[in-house]
Amino acid sequence: MICILCSILFESTMTSSPLAIILGSSKPAGSISNTIGSVLDAVGAMDGVRVVSAHQSHAYSDGACLYFTFAARPEDPTIREAWYVAAWDVATRAALSAGASLSHHHGVGLNRARFMAEALGSGFEVMVALKEALDPQGILNPGKMGLPDRFGEVSWP
């Protein structure tokens, strides 16, 4: 099991504003270095990245919890939110490509919901069917986990 927590620190001339990225994953412990390398390489290739680092926080018999920190200074300070979303996309897809899953103990939330179908493959349709069977009115936690929402799409951020 590998849990990945990432944070982004945007540099500015006036202040630094930390923004958290959390990715969770579970996979064999031997894949830890591959996951680290994949995420560091992918995010490190983004425009404006100053530094990317990782460390292990929690250790389990079947894996670890990894924490990533990125510092960035996008060329255009008005694109911070777009850069933040792009960093999530790049980091998440790198983790998924390395065999990781979306979440460990941090949950999916609104941010990772858009990756649920990709992460679960055919298992996602099982979740959709269970949600429809157990919550036919769609009132329990609407818009979460990437499941269809009869009240409208929930976007992030």
C-alpha atoms as a PDB file:
ATOM      1  CA  MET A   1       0.000   0.000   0.000  1.00  0.00           C
ATOM      2  CA  ILE A   2       1.338   3.432  -0.903  1.00  0.00           C
ATOM      3  CA  CYS A   3      -0.321   6.639   0.210  1.00  0.00           C
ATOM      4  CA  ILE A   4       0.809   9.796  -1.518  1.00  0.00           C
ATOM      5  CA  LEU A   5       0.342  13.295  -0.078  1.00  0.00           C
ATOM      6  CA  CYS A   6       1.505  16.213  -2.171  1.00  0.00           C
ATOM      7  CA  SER A   7       1.657  19.892  -1.431  1.00  0.00           C
ATOM      8  CA  ILE A   8       2.401  22.811  -3.689  1.00  0.00           C
ATOM      9  CA  LEU A   9       3.999  26.035  -2.575  1.00  0.00           C
ATOM     10  CA  PHE A  10       3.637  28.922  -4.988  1.00  0.00           C
ATOM     11  CA  GLU A  11       6.390  31.492  -4.787  1.00  0.00           C
ATOM     12  CA  SER A  12       5.603  35.144  -5.146  1.00  0.00           C
ATOM     13  CA  THR A  13       7.481  38.337  -4.478  1.00  0.00           C
ATOM     14  CA  MET A  14       5.150  39.210  -1.593  1.00  0.00           C
ATOM     15  CA  THR A  15       4.021  35.955   0.026  1.00  0.00           C
ATOM     16  CA  SER A  16       4.090  32.205  -0.278  1.00  0.00           C
ATOM     17  CA  SER A  17       0.741  30.476  -0.184  1.00  0.00           C
ATOM     18  CA  PRO A  18       0.852  26.709   0.388  1.00  0.00           C
ATOM     19  CA  LEU A  19      -1.777  24.648  -1.380  1.00  0.00           C
ATOM     20  CA  ALA A  20      -2.285  20.984  -0.538  1.00  0.00           C
ATOM     21  CA  ILE A  21      -2.450  18.139  -3.001  1.00  0.00           C
ATOM     22  CA  ILE A  22      -3.323  14.726  -1.635  1.00  0.00           C
ATOM     23  CA  LEU A  23      -3.003  11.558  -3.663  1.00  0.00           C
ATOM     24  CA  GLY A  24      -3.511   8.155  -2.155  1.00  0.00           C
ATOM     25  CA  SER A  25      -2.479   4.850  -3.583  1.00  0.00           C
ATOM     26  CA  SER A  26      -2.082   1.219  -2.762  1.00  0.00           C
ATOM     27  CA  LYS A  27       0.348  -1.143  -4.432  1.00  0.00           C
ATOM     28  CA  PRO A  28       3.219  -3.511  -3.555  1.00  0.00           C
ATOM     29  CA  ALA A  29       6.014  -2.029  -1.467  1.00  0.00           C
ATOM     30  CA  GLY A  30       8.603  -2.825  -4.171  1.00  0.00           C
ATOM     31  CA  SER A  31       6.957  -0.218  -6.395  1.00  0.00           C
ATOM     32  CA  ILE A  32       7.607   2.714  -4.072  1.00  0.00           C
ATOM     33  CA  SER A  33      10.649   4.004  -5.950  1.00  0.00           C
ATOM     34  CA  ASN A  34       8.823   3.669  -9.294  1.00  0.00           C
ATOM     35  CA  THR A  35       5.881   5.699  -7.955  1.00  0.00           C
ATOM     36  CA  ILE A  36       8.190   8.359  -6.537  1.00  0.00           C
ATOM     37  CA  GLY A  37      10.141   8.612  -9.788  1.00  0.00           C
ATOM     38  CA  SER A  38       7.002   8.780 -11.930  1.00  0.00           C
ATOM     39  CA  VAL A  39       5.405  11.585  -9.923  1.00  0.00           C
ATOM     40  CA  LEU A  40       8.637  13.576  -9.473  1.00  0.00           C
ATOM     41  CA  ASP A  41       9.483  13.343 -13.179  1.00  0.00           C
ATOM     42  CA  ALA A  42       5.973  14.262 -14.328  1.00  0.00           C
ATOM     43  CA  VAL A  43       5.541  17.258 -12.052  1.00  0.00           C
ATOM     44  CA  GLY A  44       9.169  18.305 -12.415  1.00  0.00           C
ATOM     45  CA  ALA A  45       8.622  18.662 -16.174  1.00  0.00           C
ATOM     46  CA  MET A  46       5.850  21.247 -15.679  1.00  0.00           C
ATOM     47  CA  ASP A  47       6.576  24.874 -16.538  1.00  0.00           C
ATOM     48  CA  GLY A  48       7.400  27.000 -13.529  1.00  0.00           C
ATOM     49  CA  VAL A  49       8.424  24.171 -11.181  1.00  0.00           C
ATOM     50  CA  ARG A  50      11.347  25.181  -8.977  1.00  0.00           C
ATOM     51  CA  VAL A  51      11.768  22.035  -6.886  1.00  0.00           C
ATOM     52  CA  VAL A  52      10.049  18.689  -6.347  1.00  0.00           C
ATOM     53  CA  SER A  53      10.739  16.439  -3.381  1.00  0.00           C
ATOM     54  CA  ALA A  54       9.321  13.356  -1.688  1.00  0.00           C
ATOM     55  CA  HIS A  55       9.602  11.571   1.618  1.00  0.00           C
ATOM     56  CA  GLN A  56       8.071   8.516   3.258  1.00  0.00           C
ATOM     57  CA  SER A  57       5.859   9.160   6.252  1.00  0.00           C
ATOM     58  CA  HIS A  58       3.913   6.010   7.154  1.00  0.00           C
ATOM     59  CA  ALA A  59       5.301   2.501   6.716  1.00  0.00           C
ATOM     60  CA  TYR A  60       3.211  -0.640   6.412  1.00  0.00           C
ATOM     61  CA  SER A  61       4.061  -4.284   5.800  1.00  0.00           C
ATOM     62  CA  ASP A  62       2.666  -3.892   2.276  1.00  0.00           C
ATOM     63  CA  GLY A  63       3.811  -0.381   1.368  1.00  0.00           C
ATOM     64  CA  ALA A  64       4.218   3.183   2.558  1.00  0.00           C
ATOM     65  CA  CYS A  65       2.741   6.654   2.686  1.00  0.00           C
ATOM     66  CA  LEU A  66       4.653   9.084   0.506  1.00  0.00           C
ATOM     67  CA  TYR A  67       4.542  12.866   0.711  1.00  0.00           C
ATOM     68  CA  PHE A  68       5.483  15.069  -2.224  1.00  0.00           C
ATOM     69  CA  THR A  69       6.152  18.795  -2.104  1.00  0.00           C
ATOM     70  CA  PHE A  70       6.411  21.008  -5.178  1.00  0.00           C
ATOM     71  CA  ALA A  71       7.400  24.649  -5.324  1.00  0.00           C
ATOM     72  CA  ALA A  72       6.418  26.574  -8.424  1.00  0.00           C
ATOM     73  CA  ARG A  73       6.462  30.041  -9.888  1.00  0.00           C
ATOM     74  CA  PRO A  74       4.293  30.057 -12.997  1.00  0.00           C
ATOM     75  CA  GLU A  75       5.363  32.649 -15.554  1.00  0.00           C
ATOM     76  CA  ASP A  76       1.941  34.284 -15.307  1.00  0.00           C
ATOM     77  CA  PRO A  77       0.753  34.668 -11.678  1.00  0.00           C
ATOM     78  CA  THR A  78      -2.864  34.859 -12.849  1.00  0.00           C
ATOM     79  CA  ILE A  79      -2.760  31.174 -13.842  1.00  0.00           C
ATOM     80  CA  ARG A  80      -2.118  29.787 -10.347  1.00  0.00           C
ATOM     81  CA  GLU A  81      -5.473  28.031 -10.141  1.00  0.00           C
ATOM     82  CA  ALA A  82      -5.094  26.543 -13.624  1.00  0.00           C
ATOM     83  CA  TRP A  83      -1.537  25.469 -12.756  1.00  0.00           C
ATOM     84  CA  TYR A  84      -2.777  23.905  -9.523  1.00  0.00           C
ATOM     85  CA  VAL A  85      -5.400  21.866 -11.397  1.00  0.00           C
ATOM     86  CA  ALA A  86      -2.826  20.874 -14.027  1.00  0.00           C
ATOM     87  CA  ALA A  87      -0.408  19.771 -11.281  1.00  0.00           C
ATOM     88  CA  TRP A  88      -3.146  17.584  -9.795  1.00  0.00           C
ATOM     89  CA  ASP A  89      -3.843  16.092 -13.211  1.00  0.00           C
ATOM     90  CA  VAL A  90      -0.167  15.413 -13.942  1.00  0.00           C
ATOM     91  CA  ALA A  91       0.608  14.006 -10.481  1.00  0.00           C
ATOM     92  CA  THR A  92      -2.524  11.860 -10.341  1.00  0.00           C
ATOM     93  CA  ARG A  93      -2.075  10.418 -13.819  1.00  0.00           C
ATOM     94  CA  ALA A  94       1.602   9.676 -13.077  1.00  0.00           C
ATOM     95  CA  ALA A  95       0.621   7.891  -9.858  1.00  0.00           C
ATOM     96  CA  LEU A  96      -2.156   5.935 -11.597  1.00  0.00           C
ATOM     97  CA  SER A  97       0.174   5.006 -14.465  1.00  0.00           C
ATOM     98  CA  ALA A  98       2.676   3.699 -11.919  1.00  0.00           C
ATOM     99  CA  GLY A  99      -0.039   1.409 -10.554  1.00  0.00           C
ATOM    100  CA  ALA A 100      -1.170   3.545  -7.650  1.00  0.00           C
ATOM    101  CA  SER A 101      -4.759   4.113  -6.620  1.00  0.00           C
ATOM    102  CA  LEU A 102      -6.440   7.426  -5.835  1.00  0.00           C
ATOM    103  CA  SER A 103      -6.744   7.262  -2.098  1.00  0.00           C
ATOM    104  CA  HIS A 104      -5.524   5.587   1.022  1.00  0.00           C
ATOM    105  CA  HIS A 105      -6.861   7.236   4.162  1.00  0.00           C
ATOM    106  CA  HIS A 106      -7.516  10.737   2.857  1.00  0.00           C
ATOM    107  CA  GLY A 107     -10.575   9.886   0.763  1.00  0.00           C
ATOM    108  CA  VAL A 108     -11.495  10.934  -2.752  1.00  0.00           C
ATOM    109  CA  GLY A 109     -13.270  14.245  -2.197  1.00  0.00           C
ATOM    110  CA  LEU A 110     -14.248  16.591  -4.997  1.00  0.00           C
ATOM    111  CA  ASN A 111     -10.766  16.912  -6.455  1.00  0.00           C
ATOM    112  CA  ARG A 112     -10.049  13.268  -7.153  1.00  0.00           C
ATOM    113  CA  ALA A 113     -13.643  12.490  -8.147  1.00  0.00           C
ATOM    114  CA  ARG A 114     -12.820  13.231 -11.782  1.00  0.00           C
ATOM    115  CA  PHE A 115     -10.306  10.358 -11.784  1.00  0.00           C
ATOM    116  CA  MET A 116     -12.570   7.676 -10.305  1.00  0.00           C
ATOM    117  CA  ALA A 117     -13.687   6.052 -13.570  1.00  0.00           C
ATOM    118  CA  GLU A 118     -10.089   5.979 -14.821  1.00  0.00           C
ATOM    119  CA  ALA A 119      -8.775   4.576 -11.536  1.00  0.00           C
ATOM    120  CA  LEU A 120     -11.429   1.897 -11.059  1.00  0.00           C
ATOM    121  CA  GLY A 121     -11.961   0.788 -14.649  1.00  0.00           C
ATOM    122  CA  SER A 122     -14.952  -1.550 -14.894  1.00  0.00           C
ATOM    123  CA  GLY A 123     -15.334  -1.397 -11.107  1.00  0.00           C
ATOM    124  CA  PHE A 124     -16.649   2.135 -11.480  1.00  0.00           C
ATOM    125  CA  GLU A 125     -19.841   0.865 -13.125  1.00  0.00           C
ATOM    126  CA  VAL A 126     -20.351  -1.406 -10.111  1.00  0.00           C
ATOM    127  CA  MET A 127     -20.125   1.653  -7.835  1.00  0.00           C
ATOM    128  CA  VAL A 128     -22.619   3.513 -10.021  1.00  0.00           C
ATOM    129  CA  ALA A 129     -25.061   0.593  -9.854  1.00  0.00           C
ATOM    130  CA  LEU A 130     -24.664   0.296  -6.070  1.00  0.00           C
ATOM    131  CA  LYS A 131     -25.228   4.014  -5.589  1.00  0.00           C
ATOM    132  CA  GLU A 132     -28.385   3.902  -7.730  1.00  0.00           C
ATOM    133  CA  ALA A 133     -29.694   0.831  -5.872  1.00  0.00           C
ATOM    134  CA  LEU A 134     -28.956   2.114  -2.368  1.00  0.00           C
ATOM    135  CA  ASP A 135     -29.761   5.789  -2.983  1.00  0.00           C
ATOM    136  CA  PRO A 136     -32.459   5.991  -5.682  1.00  0.00           C
ATOM    137  CA  GLN A 137     -33.233   9.628  -4.791  1.00  0.00           C
ATOM    138  CA  GLY A 138     -29.553  10.596  -5.087  1.00  0.00           C
ATOM    139  CA  ILE A 139     -29.557  12.507  -1.794  1.00  0.00           C
ATOM    140  CA  LEU A 140     -26.663  10.785  -0.032  1.00  0.00           C
ATOM    141  CA  ASN A 141     -23.411  12.656  -0.606  1.00  0.00           C
ATOM    142  CA  PRO A 142     -24.411  13.996  -4.047  1.00  0.00           C
ATOM    143  CA  GLY A 143     -21.659  14.841  -6.472  1.00  0.00           C
ATOM    144  CA  LYS A 144     -18.947  12.915  -4.670  1.00  0.00           C
ATOM    145  CA  MET A 145     -16.649  10.145  -5.893  1.00  0.00           C
ATOM    146  CA  GLY A 146     -17.260  10.989  -9.542  1.00  0.00           C
ATOM    147  CA  LEU A 147     -20.674   9.328  -9.503  1.00  0.00           C
ATOM    148  CA  PRO A 148     -23.538  10.728 -11.572  1.00  0.00           C
ATOM    149  CA  ASP A 149     -25.432  13.460  -9.716  1.00  0.00           C
ATOM    150  CA  ARG A 150     -29.065  14.183 -10.511  1.00  0.00           C
ATOM    151  CA  PHE A 151     -28.654  17.673  -9.008  1.00  0.00           C
ATOM    152  CA  GLY A 152     -26.024  18.743 -11.536  1.00  0.00           C
ATOM    153  CA  GLU A 153     -22.322  18.395 -12.053  1.00  0.00           C
ATOM    154  CA  VAL A 154     -20.077  19.297  -9.130  1.00  0.00           C
ATOM    155  CA  SER A 155     -16.894  20.919 -10.354  1.00  0.00           C
ATOM    156  CA  TRP A 156     -13.533  21.368  -8.727  1.00  0.00           C
ATOM    157  CA  PRO A 157     -11.991  23.768  -7.904  1.00  0.00           C
END
